[in-house]
Structures are given as C-alpha cells and as structure tokens.
N, C-alpha and C. Protein backbone atom coordinates (compact mmCIF):
# COMPACT_ATOMS: atom_id res chain seq x y z
N MET A 1 -12.74 -53.20 -12.52
CA MET A 1 -12.58 -51.82 -12.10
C MET A 1 -10.99 -50.80 -12.35
N ARG A 2 -10.94 -49.80 -12.94
CA ARG A 2 -10.21 -49.09 -13.41
C ARG A 2 -9.76 -48.52 -11.74
N PRO A 3 -8.54 -48.04 -11.76
CA PRO A 3 -7.87 -47.33 -10.95
C PRO A 3 -8.16 -45.87 -10.95
N GLN A 4 -8.74 -45.27 -9.89
CA GLN A 4 -9.08 -43.66 -10.77
C GLN A 4 -7.49 -42.65 -9.97
N HIS A 5 -7.21 -42.16 -11.30
CA HIS A 5 -6.35 -41.22 -11.65
C HIS A 5 -6.52 -40.01 -11.19
N ASN A 6 -5.64 -38.64 -10.41
CA ASN A 6 -6.35 -37.95 -10.04
C ASN A 6 -5.77 -36.80 -11.50
N THR A 7 -6.84 -36.39 -12.26
CA THR A 7 -6.98 -36.01 -13.30
C THR A 7 -7.05 -34.05 -13.07
N LYS A 8 -6.99 -33.77 -11.86
CA LYS A 8 -7.08 -32.58 -11.76
C LYS A 8 -5.99 -31.57 -11.59
N PRO A 9 -5.85 -30.78 -12.75
CA PRO A 9 -4.62 -29.84 -12.73
C PRO A 9 -3.70 -29.42 -11.70
N THR A 10 -2.75 -28.95 -11.31
CA THR A 10 -2.29 -28.48 -10.08
C THR A 10 -2.09 -26.98 -10.55
N ALA A 11 -2.12 -26.06 -9.51
CA ALA A 11 -2.28 -24.69 -9.59
C ALA A 11 -0.75 -24.41 -10.63
N LYS A 12 0.10 -25.02 -10.42
CA LYS A 12 1.54 -24.96 -11.22
C LYS A 12 1.25 -24.61 -12.48
N MET A 13 0.81 -25.78 -12.83
CA MET A 13 0.09 -25.94 -13.97
C MET A 13 -0.85 -24.85 -14.77
N ILE A 14 -1.91 -24.76 -14.32
CA ILE A 14 -2.11 -23.34 -14.81
C ILE A 14 -1.80 -22.58 -14.31
N GLY A 15 -1.18 -21.99 -13.60
CA GLY A 15 -0.43 -20.76 -13.27
C GLY A 15 0.92 -21.02 -14.71
N PHE A 16 0.91 -21.64 -15.32
CA PHE A 16 2.30 -21.56 -16.29
C PHE A 16 0.98 -21.02 -17.80
N VAL A 17 -0.29 -22.14 -17.85
CA VAL A 17 -1.15 -21.85 -19.10
C VAL A 17 -1.78 -20.14 -18.75
N LEU A 18 -1.78 -19.57 -17.70
CA LEU A 18 -2.19 -18.13 -17.59
C LEU A 18 -1.06 -17.47 -18.22
N LEU A 19 0.18 -17.79 -17.59
CA LEU A 19 1.36 -17.39 -17.80
C LEU A 19 1.44 -17.06 -19.57
N LEU A 20 1.12 -18.36 -19.95
CA LEU A 20 1.37 -18.34 -21.49
C LEU A 20 0.17 -17.34 -22.18
N VAL A 21 -0.83 -17.49 -21.76
CA VAL A 21 -1.69 -17.05 -22.23
C VAL A 21 -1.94 -15.35 -22.47
N GLY A 22 -0.93 -14.85 -20.75
CA GLY A 22 -1.34 -13.73 -20.82
C GLY A 22 -0.21 -13.39 -22.30
N VAL A 23 0.90 -13.50 -21.86
CA VAL A 23 1.96 -13.14 -23.13
C VAL A 23 1.86 -13.23 -24.62
N GLY A 24 1.08 -14.23 -24.59
CA GLY A 24 0.23 -14.48 -26.18
C GLY A 24 -0.80 -13.02 -26.54
N LEU A 25 -1.59 -12.69 -25.32
CA LEU A 25 -2.56 -11.60 -25.37
C LEU A 25 -1.76 -10.18 -25.53
N ALA A 26 -0.63 -10.07 -24.82
CA ALA A 26 -0.07 -8.98 -24.48
C ALA A 26 0.57 -8.81 -26.58
N ALA A 27 1.07 -9.82 -26.31
CA ALA A 27 1.80 -9.71 -27.81
C ALA A 27 1.44 -9.53 -28.77
N LEU A 28 -0.76 -9.89 -28.70
CA LEU A 28 -1.05 -9.90 -30.24
C LEU A 28 -1.70 -7.89 -29.65
N SER A 29 -1.81 -7.39 -28.59
CA SER A 29 -2.08 -6.18 -28.97
C SER A 29 -1.21 -5.26 -29.18
N LEU A 30 0.27 -5.50 -28.80
CA LEU A 30 1.34 -4.77 -28.96
C LEU A 30 1.49 -4.80 -30.82
N LEU A 31 1.07 -6.02 -31.28
CA LEU A 31 1.74 -6.34 -32.68
C LEU A 31 0.15 -6.42 -33.34
N ALA A 32 -0.77 -5.54 -33.27
CA ALA A 32 -1.93 -5.80 -33.83
C ALA A 32 -2.00 -4.84 -34.87
N ASP A 33 -1.10 -3.36 -34.82
CA ASP A 33 -1.23 -2.73 -36.38
C ASP A 33 -0.20 -3.43 -37.10
N TRP A 34 0.92 -3.99 -36.92
CA TRP A 34 2.10 -4.34 -37.71
C TRP A 34 1.08 -5.25 -38.38
N LEU A 35 -0.01 -6.45 -37.78
CA LEU A 35 -0.39 -7.55 -37.93
C LEU A 35 -1.72 -7.52 -39.19
N ASP A 36 -2.10 -6.05 -38.99
CA ASP A 36 -3.05 -5.81 -39.53
C ASP A 36 -4.46 -6.36 -39.11
N PHE A 37 -4.59 -6.33 -38.11
CA PHE A 37 -5.69 -6.65 -37.09
C PHE A 37 -6.74 -5.71 -36.66
N GLY A 38 -7.77 -5.14 -36.78
CA GLY A 38 -8.51 -4.49 -36.26
C GLY A 38 -8.39 -3.34 -37.35
N GLY A 39 -9.46 -2.54 -36.86
CA GLY A 39 -9.48 -1.12 -37.75
C GLY A 39 -8.48 0.19 -37.05
N GLY A 40 -8.85 1.73 -38.22
CA GLY A 40 -7.82 2.56 -37.32
C GLY A 40 -6.46 2.34 -37.28
N GLU A 41 -5.83 3.93 -36.96
CA GLU A 41 -4.40 3.62 -36.81
C GLU A 41 -4.26 3.95 -35.56
N GLY A 42 -2.97 3.69 -35.18
CA GLY A 42 -2.31 3.96 -33.75
C GLY A 42 -2.87 2.87 -32.68
N PHE A 43 -2.67 3.29 -31.55
CA PHE A 43 -2.89 2.66 -30.71
C PHE A 43 -4.23 2.39 -30.13
N GLY A 44 -4.94 1.49 -30.16
CA GLY A 44 -6.45 2.11 -29.54
C GLY A 44 -6.86 1.54 -28.61
N TYR A 45 -8.55 1.41 -28.05
CA TYR A 45 -8.46 1.37 -26.45
C TYR A 45 -8.89 -0.03 -26.53
N GLN A 46 -9.17 -0.89 -27.60
CA GLN A 46 -9.10 -2.20 -27.78
C GLN A 46 -8.08 -2.95 -27.16
N GLN A 47 -7.03 -2.45 -27.99
CA GLN A 47 -5.72 -2.74 -27.70
C GLN A 47 -5.47 -2.67 -26.26
N LEU A 48 -5.53 -1.09 -25.92
CA LEU A 48 -5.36 -0.99 -24.32
C LEU A 48 -6.12 -2.29 -23.41
N ILE A 49 -7.37 -2.21 -23.88
CA ILE A 49 -7.93 -3.32 -22.85
C ILE A 49 -7.40 -4.85 -22.61
N VAL A 50 -6.79 -5.07 -24.13
CA VAL A 50 -6.31 -6.57 -23.77
C VAL A 50 -5.03 -6.31 -23.53
N LEU A 51 -4.12 -5.48 -23.97
CA LEU A 51 -2.86 -5.47 -23.39
C LEU A 51 -3.05 -5.59 -21.51
N ILE A 52 -3.98 -5.09 -20.94
CA ILE A 52 -4.03 -4.90 -19.65
C ILE A 52 -4.48 -6.36 -19.04
N VAL A 53 -5.50 -7.15 -19.69
CA VAL A 53 -6.17 -7.94 -19.80
C VAL A 53 -4.72 -9.03 -19.39
N GLY A 54 -3.45 -8.96 -20.90
CA GLY A 54 -2.69 -9.94 -20.45
C GLY A 54 -1.48 -9.82 -20.00
N ILE A 55 -1.50 -8.22 -18.96
CA ILE A 55 -0.77 -8.26 -17.86
C ILE A 55 -1.15 -8.62 -16.66
N VAL A 56 -2.26 -8.45 -16.74
CA VAL A 56 -3.04 -8.88 -15.45
C VAL A 56 -3.05 -10.98 -15.54
N LEU A 57 -3.27 -11.35 -16.61
CA LEU A 57 -3.27 -12.93 -16.67
C LEU A 57 -1.86 -13.42 -16.68
N MET A 58 -0.48 -12.11 -16.68
CA MET A 58 0.65 -12.63 -16.51
C MET A 58 1.15 -13.06 -14.98
N LEU A 59 0.79 -11.88 -14.50
CA LEU A 59 0.64 -11.33 -13.05
C LEU A 59 0.31 -12.53 -12.47
N GLY A 60 -0.70 -13.21 -12.66
CA GLY A 60 -1.57 -13.65 -12.25
C GLY A 60 -0.94 -15.45 -12.08
N GLY A 61 -0.30 -15.78 -13.13
CA GLY A 61 0.47 -16.86 -13.71
C GLY A 61 1.88 -16.85 -13.25
N VAL A 62 2.29 -15.54 -12.70
CA VAL A 62 4.00 -15.40 -12.12
C VAL A 62 3.56 -15.58 -10.31
N CYS A 63 2.10 -15.72 -9.99
CA CYS A 63 1.99 -15.17 -8.84
C CYS A 63 1.42 -16.92 -8.30
N MET A 64 0.88 -18.00 -9.58
CA MET A 64 0.81 -19.37 -9.13
C MET A 64 1.56 -19.89 -9.32
N VAL A 65 2.69 -19.43 -10.36
CA VAL A 65 4.10 -20.23 -10.33
C VAL A 65 5.20 -20.62 -9.54
N VAL A 66 5.45 -19.23 -8.99
CA VAL A 66 6.73 -18.57 -8.11
C VAL A 66 6.15 -19.00 -7.03
N PRO A 67 6.85 -20.08 -5.79
CA PRO A 67 6.36 -20.32 -4.49
C PRO A 67 6.70 -18.95 -3.83
N PRO A 68 6.09 -18.56 -2.38
CA PRO A 68 5.69 -17.17 -1.97
C PRO A 68 6.73 -17.19 -1.32
N VAL A 69 7.65 -16.10 -1.11
CA VAL A 69 9.00 -15.61 -0.47
C VAL A 69 8.33 -15.68 1.20
N PHE A 70 7.33 -15.08 1.43
CA PHE A 70 6.98 -15.37 2.83
C PHE A 70 5.70 -15.49 3.12
N ASN A 71 6.04 -16.43 4.40
CA ASN A 71 5.09 -17.21 4.24
C ASN A 71 4.43 -16.67 6.31
N ARG A 72 3.44 -15.83 5.92
CA ARG A 72 3.13 -14.41 6.83
C ARG A 72 1.84 -15.81 7.82
N MET A 73 1.35 -16.63 7.52
CA MET A 73 0.61 -17.48 8.77
C MET A 73 1.36 -18.32 9.35
N SER A 74 2.71 -18.74 8.95
CA SER A 74 3.42 -19.30 10.18
C SER A 74 3.76 -18.49 11.94
N SER A 75 3.33 -19.32 12.42
CA SER A 75 3.52 -18.66 13.77
C SER A 75 4.72 -19.15 14.57
N GLU A 76 5.38 -19.95 13.89
CA GLU A 76 6.75 -20.44 14.65
C GLU A 76 7.52 -19.75 14.03
N PRO A 77 8.63 -18.92 14.89
CA PRO A 77 10.00 -18.26 14.83
C PRO A 77 10.69 -18.81 14.01
N GLU A 78 11.34 -18.15 13.49
CA GLU A 78 12.57 -18.76 12.43
C GLU A 78 14.09 -18.73 13.54
N ASP A 79 14.71 -19.04 12.30
CA ASP A 79 16.58 -18.75 13.04
C ASP A 79 16.52 -17.85 13.56
N GLY A 80 17.16 -17.18 14.64
CA GLY A 80 17.49 -15.83 14.54
C GLY A 80 16.30 -15.16 15.13
N ASP A 81 15.39 -15.44 15.45
CA ASP A 81 14.47 -14.79 15.68
C ASP A 81 14.05 -14.92 17.57
N TYR A 82 15.04 -14.52 17.84
CA TYR A 82 15.25 -14.38 19.96
C TYR A 82 15.36 -13.20 20.18
N ASP A 83 15.09 -13.05 21.66
CA ASP A 83 14.64 -11.24 22.37
C ASP A 83 16.34 -12.04 22.83
N ARG A 84 16.91 -11.06 23.99
CA ARG A 84 17.78 -10.43 24.25
C ARG A 84 18.28 -11.96 25.28
N ARG A 85 17.53 -12.13 25.98
CA ARG A 85 17.80 -13.45 27.03
C ARG A 85 17.99 -14.57 26.03
N GLY A 86 17.83 -14.74 24.94
CA GLY A 86 17.91 -15.96 24.02
C GLY A 86 16.48 -16.94 24.31
N ASP A 87 15.07 -16.39 24.19
CA ASP A 87 13.76 -16.73 24.48
C ASP A 87 13.77 -16.71 23.18
N GLN A 88 13.19 -17.40 22.95
CA GLN A 88 11.85 -17.21 21.50
C GLN A 88 10.80 -16.48 21.64
N ARG A 89 10.68 -15.23 20.72
CA ARG A 89 9.80 -14.08 20.73
C ARG A 89 8.79 -15.10 20.46
N ARG A 90 7.55 -14.57 21.41
CA ARG A 90 6.11 -15.09 20.55
C ARG A 90 5.57 -13.97 19.96
N ALA A 91 4.61 -14.82 18.93
CA ALA A 91 4.19 -14.13 17.63
C ALA A 91 2.58 -13.55 18.05
C-alpha cells in the first residue's frame, strides 16, 4: 500500500493563484482596446466589470498570502500591556 500524501493546496498557494488571476484579469481589461478585444470604442461597462473582479481577486489573494498583522482573537496580553501597578490587564 502506498503512503498517502496531503494533496490539499495550502491557503498561501491558493492566494498566489488568486493574485495572479486577478492581475491577469485587470491587465486584460485595461489593455482590451489596445489588443482589439470586444467591440466598441473606449472603456466599456464589460471592461469595468472585469477590472473590478480582477481587483477583488487581487485583494483576496493578498489577504491570503500576507499573514495577519493583528490577531484580535488572542486573549493573552502582549509585552508592555500592563496597568499602572504592573499587573497584566484582563481583556
């Protein structure tokens, strides 16, 4: 029997994929007229929708890749989180 490996992608990997797809969609929507995609002149509503979707995907990817700066769920006081008497504050 073969050992089973964890094939589930990590959140960071999914974040990178979302980031790349978002950048690609945003670039495609901005360069659509120059690349002769679609019809009409100027920046159309379809391009705007694709641009917004691309930006949302980029932001979602960045949020998954970058670790959170603040951990609001932590109940332990951090260094320097003391009251005047030197006791640790209770959250």
